[in-house]
Protein backbone atom coordinates (compact mmCIF):
# COMPACT_ATOMS: atom_id res chain seq x y z
CA MET A 1 -41.36 27.71 49.09
CA VAL A 2 -39.35 26.32 46.00
CA LYS A 3 -35.89 24.47 47.18
CA LYS A 4 -32.73 24.62 44.72
CA LEU A 5 -31.79 21.57 43.28
CA SER A 6 -28.46 20.10 42.91
CA LYS A 7 -26.31 19.81 39.79
CA GLU A 8 -26.88 16.53 39.72
CA LYS A 9 -30.79 16.48 40.25
CA LYS A 10 -30.86 19.18 37.66
CA ALA A 11 -29.05 16.80 35.49
CA LEU A 12 -31.35 14.21 36.07
CA ALA A 13 -34.57 16.39 35.64
CA LYS A 14 -33.29 17.39 31.91
CA LEU A 15 -32.61 13.53 31.77
CA VAL A 16 -36.08 12.79 32.47
CA LYS A 17 -37.72 15.15 30.59
CA SER A 18 -35.65 13.99 27.53
CA ILE A 19 -37.08 10.59 28.49
CA ASN A 20 -40.72 11.45 29.33
CA ASN A 21 -40.86 14.63 27.06
CA MET A 22 -42.19 16.65 30.11
CA GLU A 23 -41.68 20.07 29.70
CA THR A 24 -40.19 21.44 32.65
CA THR A 25 -40.38 25.24 32.75
CA ASN A 26 -38.83 25.82 36.56
CA GLU A 27 -37.11 23.96 39.50
CA GLU A 28 -40.45 23.27 41.16
CA MET A 29 -41.36 21.33 38.01
CA GLU A 30 -38.30 19.80 37.78
CA ALA A 31 -38.69 18.45 41.43
CA LEU A 32 -42.17 17.32 40.45
CA SER A 33 -40.82 15.64 37.09
CA LEU A 34 -38.37 13.67 39.54
CA ARG A 35 -40.97 12.61 41.99
CA VAL A 36 -43.48 11.07 39.78
CA HIS A 37 -40.65 9.61 37.91
CA GLU A 38 -39.65 7.73 41.11
CA VAL A 39 -43.31 6.58 41.98
CA TYR A 40 -43.48 5.55 38.20
CA ALA A 41 -40.23 3.29 38.48
CA ASN A 42 -41.40 1.78 41.50
CA VAL A 43 -44.67 0.62 40.28
CA LEU A 44 -42.78 -0.54 36.86
CA GLN A 45 -40.30 -2.53 38.95
CA LYS A 46 -43.10 -4.16 41.01
CA TYR A 47 -45.35 -4.92 37.67
CA LEU A 48 -42.25 -6.30 35.68
CA SER A 49 -41.26 -8.48 38.52
CA SER A 50 -45.01 -10.27 39.59
CA VAL A 51 -45.10 -13.89 38.61
CA CYS A 52 -48.23 -13.11 36.63
CA VAL A 53 -46.79 -10.67 34.33
CA ILE A 54 -43.75 -12.79 33.74
CA GLN A 55 -45.62 -16.00 32.59
CA PHE A 56 -47.91 -14.04 30.27
CA ASN A 57 -44.86 -12.54 28.73
CA TYR A 58 -43.54 -15.86 28.22
CA LEU A 59 -46.80 -16.89 26.89
CA GLU A 60 -46.92 -14.18 24.45
CA ASN A 61 -43.23 -14.92 23.07
CA LEU A 62 -44.32 -18.45 22.83
CA LYS A 63 -47.53 -17.44 20.86
CA GLU A 64 -45.19 -15.14 17.93
CA ARG A 65 -42.52 -18.24 17.92
CA VAL A 66 -45.60 -21.16 17.41
CA LYS A 67 -48.13 -18.93 15.14
CA ASN A 68 -46.75 -20.27 11.81
CA CYS A 69 -47.17 -23.51 13.40
CA LYS A 70 -48.70 -26.33 11.15
CA SER A 71 -48.94 -29.27 13.34
CA GLN A 72 -48.88 -30.46 16.87
CA GLN A 73 -45.38 -32.05 16.38
CA GLU A 74 -43.74 -28.63 15.46
CA PHE A 75 -45.25 -26.79 18.64
CA LYS A 76 -43.91 -29.99 20.56
CA VAL A 77 -40.56 -29.54 19.32
CA ILE A 78 -40.52 -25.64 20.18
CA VAL A 79 -41.52 -25.99 23.51
CA GLU A 80 -39.28 -28.94 24.03
CA ASN A 81 -36.62 -26.54 22.77
CA ASP A 82 -37.63 -24.33 25.37
CA ILE A 83 -37.42 -27.21 28.28
CA GLU A 84 -34.17 -28.13 27.13
CA ILE A 85 -32.43 -24.52 27.15
CA MET A 86 -33.83 -24.02 30.28
CA GLU A 87 -32.66 -27.37 32.05
CA ALA A 88 -29.33 -26.99 30.58
CA LYS A 89 -28.78 -23.66 32.65
CA ASN A 90 -27.18 -24.19 36.01
CA ASP A 91 -27.97 -21.04 37.57
CA LYS A 92 -31.39 -19.80 36.69
CA THR A 93 -32.62 -16.65 37.64
CA ARG A 94 -35.93 -16.16 39.32
CA ILE A 95 -37.44 -14.86 36.12
CA GLU A 96 -36.08 -17.99 34.55
CA MET A 97 -37.68 -20.15 37.09
CA ILE A 98 -40.94 -18.75 36.63
CA GLU A 99 -40.90 -19.07 32.87
CA TYR A 100 -39.63 -22.76 33.22
CA GLY A 101 -42.53 -23.67 35.20
CA MET A 102 -44.78 -22.33 32.44
CA ALA A 103 -43.07 -24.01 29.76
CA LYS A 104 -43.68 -27.41 31.61
CA LYS A 105 -47.04 -26.70 32.31
CA ILE A 106 -47.70 -26.11 28.57
CA TYR A 107 -45.78 -29.13 27.87
CA ARG A 108 -48.10 -31.37 30.40
CA ASP A 109 -51.41 -29.41 29.84
CA VAL A 110 -50.87 -28.98 25.95
CA VAL A 111 -48.37 -31.55 24.27
CA GLN A 112 -49.01 -34.35 26.63
CA GLY A 113 -52.81 -32.93 26.43
CA LYS A 114 -53.31 -33.30 30.36
CA GLY A 115 -54.96 -29.73 30.39
CA LYS A 116 -58.78 -28.64 29.72
CA GLU A 117 -59.72 -27.82 26.63
CA PHE A 118 -60.62 -23.66 26.25
CA GLU A 119 -64.55 -23.97 25.17
CA TYR A 120 -65.08 -21.87 22.10
CA GLY A 121 -68.51 -20.65 23.25
CA HIS A 122 -66.39 -18.50 25.83
CA ASN A 123 -64.34 -15.36 24.92
CA LEU A 124 -61.40 -14.49 26.83
CA LEU A 125 -63.21 -11.31 27.72
CA PHE A 126 -62.23 -9.22 31.18
CA LYS A 127 -63.03 -6.56 33.13
CA TYR A 128 -60.66 -3.71 33.98
CA ASP A 129 -62.60 -1.53 36.61
CA ASP A 130 -65.76 -0.80 33.84
CA GLN A 131 -64.01 -1.52 30.56
CA ASP A 132 -64.19 -4.71 28.82
CA ILE A 133 -61.03 -5.94 27.55
CA ARG A 134 -61.21 -8.95 25.37
CA TYR A 135 -57.74 -10.87 24.05
CA ALA A 136 -58.31 -12.84 20.80
CA GLY A 137 -56.31 -15.78 22.45
CA PHE A 138 -52.97 -17.86 22.09
CA PHE A 139 -54.34 -18.73 18.67
CA ASP A 140 -57.15 -16.16 17.06
CA ILE A 141 -60.15 -17.90 18.10
CA GLU A 142 -62.25 -16.49 15.31
CA LYS A 143 -59.86 -17.89 12.86
CA ALA A 144 -60.05 -21.05 14.48
CA LYS A 145 -63.86 -21.19 14.55
CA GLU A 146 -64.15 -20.38 10.53
CA GLU A 147 -61.26 -22.96 9.97
CA ALA A 148 -63.29 -25.39 12.11
CA LYS A 149 -66.54 -24.81 10.18
CA ASN A 150 -64.55 -25.09 6.90
CA VAL A 151 -63.10 -28.58 7.69
CA LEU A 152 -66.92 -29.75 8.72
CA VAL A 153 -68.54 -28.36 5.93
CA ASN A 154 -65.82 -30.14 3.61
């Protein structure tokens, strides 16, 4: 039995169709589109609000901003600026608190040198079900290895 959709739901289904580029050939498919969009939206909301995703996003943002740093001092200034901005904000959101914690960890572990060093022999290789996922790292590990070789040779 196919239920008749209200005007509002039809309008929403058309919006979802235009966003997702999903073909809706009839009201049944419009209802299906709305239901799958609801599931998608709920999972996406949980994903984006998870602590690990927020931390990873901060690190990816920092990675982009420091990729041209030529010294530890340049890196330190960028991280210190992040912390100053975050400390100056009185009513931090949950995301800002998580990012602030990550910035302080980066400062402590990296700038102050209290964290462990990553061993070049270990790749950032992770399993996702039966797939291997490889990351280059915060700074490109292969490039860093090559630069280290050049320094040792010269």
